[in-house]
Amino acid sequence: MANDMPVSIRIASDLLARLEAIAGAMDRSRSYVIVHAIEAYVESWERRQREVGEGFAEIEQGRSIPWDGEAIADLRKFAEQMDQSEERALKHPRGAEAAE
C-alpha cells in the first residue's frame, strides 16, 4: 500500500451510483471496487495488446494460415461480438443487479 497514489476523477452520477451499489453488495469501499475495475480493464487491454503483438510476430515468421473472404468475415464478426460483450460488461458489471 505504500505505493498507492491518490487520483481524482470526474464520473457520471449514474455510474457512481452503480459503483456504490456494487460496493454495498460486496461490503467493500467504493475505492476498492474502482481499483479492481481499473485493474481488470488494464489487464484485459494489456492481454489484448500482447496477443495482437504475438499474432503479428507469427505472421512475420510465416506461421499464418491464408484467409479467404468468408474466414475474414467470420473473424470480423467474432471481434465485433467481443467488443459488444466488453461494452455490455462495462455498462452492466456483475453484481450491480443484485443491489437494484
C-alpha atoms as a PDB file:
ATOM      1  CA  MET A   1       0.000   0.000   0.000  1.00  0.00           C
ATOM      2  CA  ALA A   2       2.974   2.323   0.350  1.00  0.00           C
ATOM      3  CA  ASN A   3       2.960   2.870  -3.442  1.00  0.00           C
ATOM      4  CA  ASP A   4      -0.709   3.928  -3.573  1.00  0.00           C
ATOM      5  CA  MET A   5      -1.261   7.337  -5.122  1.00  0.00           C
ATOM      6  CA  PRO A   6      -4.388   9.452  -4.759  1.00  0.00           C
ATOM      7  CA  VAL A   7      -6.230  10.151  -8.015  1.00  0.00           C
ATOM      8  CA  SER A   8      -9.146  12.442  -8.660  1.00  0.00           C
ATOM      9  CA  ILE A   9     -11.618  11.728 -11.476  1.00  0.00           C
ATOM     10  CA  ARG A  10     -14.947  13.023 -12.713  1.00  0.00           C
ATOM     11  CA  ILE A  11     -17.563  10.328 -13.099  1.00  0.00           C
ATOM     12  CA  ALA A  12     -21.188  10.367 -14.232  1.00  0.00           C
ATOM     13  CA  SER A  13     -23.626  10.244 -11.335  1.00  0.00           C
ATOM     14  CA  ASP A  14     -25.400   7.140 -12.683  1.00  0.00           C
ATOM     15  CA  LEU A  15     -22.113   5.255 -12.934  1.00  0.00           C
ATOM     16  CA  LEU A  16     -21.162   6.363  -9.438  1.00  0.00           C
ATOM     17  CA  ALA A  17     -24.490   5.067  -8.140  1.00  0.00           C
ATOM     18  CA  ARG A  18     -23.837   1.712  -9.814  1.00  0.00           C
ATOM     19  CA  LEU A  19     -20.354   1.553  -8.288  1.00  0.00           C
ATOM     20  CA  GLU A  20     -21.781   2.335  -4.870  1.00  0.00           C
ATOM     21  CA  ALA A  21     -24.394  -0.410  -5.310  1.00  0.00           C
ATOM     22  CA  ILE A  22     -21.663  -2.913  -6.161  1.00  0.00           C
ATOM     23  CA  ALA A  23     -19.567  -1.766  -3.220  1.00  0.00           C
ATOM     24  CA  GLY A  24     -22.554  -2.143  -0.896  1.00  0.00           C
ATOM     25  CA  ALA A  25     -23.358  -5.603  -2.221  1.00  0.00           C
ATOM     26  CA  MET A  26     -19.738  -6.639  -1.688  1.00  0.00           C
ATOM     27  CA  ASP A  27     -19.473  -4.871   1.674  1.00  0.00           C
ATOM     28  CA  ARG A  28     -16.410  -3.058   0.298  1.00  0.00           C
ATOM     29  CA  SER A  29     -15.470   0.567  -0.189  1.00  0.00           C
ATOM     30  CA  ARG A  30     -16.162   2.444  -3.393  1.00  0.00           C
ATOM     31  CA  SER A  31     -12.385   2.839  -3.847  1.00  0.00           C
ATOM     32  CA  TYR A  32     -11.921  -0.933  -3.624  1.00  0.00           C
ATOM     33  CA  VAL A  33     -14.442  -1.509  -6.422  1.00  0.00           C
ATOM     34  CA  ILE A  34     -12.975   1.238  -8.602  1.00  0.00           C
ATOM     35  CA  VAL A  35      -9.407  -0.028  -8.181  1.00  0.00           C
ATOM     36  CA  HIS A  36     -10.425  -3.597  -9.050  1.00  0.00           C
ATOM     37  CA  ALA A  37     -12.427  -2.435 -12.064  1.00  0.00           C
ATOM     38  CA  ILE A  38      -9.451  -0.447 -13.334  1.00  0.00           C
ATOM     39  CA  GLU A  39      -7.093  -3.386 -12.712  1.00  0.00           C
ATOM     40  CA  ALA A  40      -9.399  -5.708 -14.685  1.00  0.00           C
ATOM     41  CA  TYR A  41      -9.623  -3.232 -17.561  1.00  0.00           C
ATOM     42  CA  VAL A  42      -5.861  -2.661 -17.690  1.00  0.00           C
ATOM     43  CA  GLU A  43      -5.133  -6.399 -17.560  1.00  0.00           C
ATOM     44  CA  SER A  44      -7.638  -7.027 -20.364  1.00  0.00           C
ATOM     45  CA  TRP A  45      -6.138  -4.267 -22.511  1.00  0.00           C
ATOM     46  CA  GLU A  46      -2.583  -5.460 -21.901  1.00  0.00           C
ATOM     47  CA  ARG A  47      -3.550  -9.057 -22.711  1.00  0.00           C
ATOM     48  CA  ARG A  48      -5.238  -7.983 -25.942  1.00  0.00           C
ATOM     49  CA  GLN A  49      -2.195  -5.928 -26.966  1.00  0.00           C
ATOM     50  CA  ARG A  50       0.148  -8.820 -26.157  1.00  0.00           C
ATOM     51  CA  GLU A  51      -1.971 -11.250 -28.172  1.00  0.00           C
ATOM     52  CA  VAL A  52      -2.118  -8.902 -31.159  1.00  0.00           C
ATOM     53  CA  GLY A  53       1.655  -8.493 -30.997  1.00  0.00           C
ATOM     54  CA  GLU A  54       2.109 -12.261 -30.844  1.00  0.00           C
ATOM     55  CA  GLY A  55      -0.205 -12.626 -33.843  1.00  0.00           C
ATOM     56  CA  PHE A  56       1.786 -10.124 -35.887  1.00  0.00           C
ATOM     57  CA  ALA A  57       5.021 -11.889 -34.925  1.00  0.00           C
ATOM     58  CA  GLU A  58       3.588 -15.194 -36.151  1.00  0.00           C
ATOM     59  CA  ILE A  59       2.589 -13.579 -39.441  1.00  0.00           C
ATOM     60  CA  GLU A  60       6.062 -12.084 -39.877  1.00  0.00           C
ATOM     61  CA  GLN A  61       7.560 -15.537 -39.209  1.00  0.00           C
ATOM     62  CA  GLY A  62       5.335 -17.035 -41.895  1.00  0.00           C
ATOM     63  CA  ARG A  63       3.308 -19.003 -39.369  1.00  0.00           C
ATOM     64  CA  SER A  64      -0.112 -17.961 -40.566  1.00  0.00           C
ATOM     65  CA  ILE A  65      -2.951 -19.533 -42.475  1.00  0.00           C
ATOM     66  CA  PRO A  66      -4.173 -17.914 -45.677  1.00  0.00           C
ATOM     67  CA  TRP A  67      -7.649 -16.499 -45.124  1.00  0.00           C
ATOM     68  CA  ASP A  68     -10.426 -16.442 -47.657  1.00  0.00           C
ATOM     69  CA  GLY A  69     -13.166 -13.821 -47.661  1.00  0.00           C
ATOM     70  CA  GLU A  70     -15.551 -15.928 -45.591  1.00  0.00           C
ATOM     71  CA  ALA A  71     -12.965 -16.593 -42.874  1.00  0.00           C
ATOM     72  CA  ILE A  72     -12.156 -12.887 -42.644  1.00  0.00           C
ATOM     73  CA  ALA A  73     -15.862 -12.045 -42.358  1.00  0.00           C
ATOM     74  CA  ASP A  74     -16.212 -14.629 -39.564  1.00  0.00           C
ATOM     75  CA  LEU A  75     -13.207 -13.156 -37.753  1.00  0.00           C
ATOM     76  CA  ARG A  76     -14.610  -9.624 -38.017  1.00  0.00           C
ATOM     77  CA  LYS A  77     -17.983 -10.839 -36.684  1.00  0.00           C
ATOM     78  CA  PHE A  78     -16.229 -12.527 -33.745  1.00  0.00           C
ATOM     79  CA  ALA A  79     -14.240  -9.352 -32.986  1.00  0.00           C
ATOM     80  CA  GLU A  80     -17.425  -7.267 -33.048  1.00  0.00           C
ATOM     81  CA  GLN A  81     -19.120  -9.716 -30.660  1.00  0.00           C
ATOM     82  CA  MET A  82     -16.142  -9.488 -28.286  1.00  0.00           C
ATOM     83  CA  ASP A  83     -16.268  -5.680 -28.379  1.00  0.00           C
ATOM     84  CA  GLN A  84     -20.024  -5.677 -27.730  1.00  0.00           C
ATOM     85  CA  SER A  85     -19.578  -8.126 -24.879  1.00  0.00           C
ATOM     86  CA  GLU A  86     -16.931  -5.881 -23.315  1.00  0.00           C
ATOM     87  CA  GLU A  87     -19.172  -2.819 -23.722  1.00  0.00           C
ATOM     88  CA  ARG A  88     -22.062  -4.640 -22.017  1.00  0.00           C
ATOM     89  CA  ALA A  89     -19.776  -5.707 -19.176  1.00  0.00           C
ATOM     90  CA  LEU A  90     -18.662  -2.120 -18.653  1.00  0.00           C
ATOM     91  CA  LYS A  91     -22.263  -0.864 -18.695  1.00  0.00           C
ATOM     92  CA  HIS A  92     -23.633  -3.673 -16.506  1.00  0.00           C
ATOM     93  CA  PRO A  93     -20.941  -5.142 -14.256  1.00  0.00           C
ATOM     94  CA  ARG A  94     -21.684  -8.388 -12.446  1.00  0.00           C
ATOM     95  CA  GLY A  95     -23.184  -7.818  -9.038  1.00  0.00           C
ATOM     96  CA  ALA A  96     -24.805  -4.484  -9.888  1.00  0.00           C
ATOM     97  CA  GLU A  97     -28.187  -6.108 -10.470  1.00  0.00           C
ATOM     98  CA  ALA A  98     -28.092  -7.653  -7.006  1.00  0.00           C
ATOM     99  CA  ALA A  99     -28.277  -4.216  -5.398  1.00  0.00           C
ATOM    100  CA  GLU A 100     -31.055  -2.909  -7.639  1.00  0.00           C
END
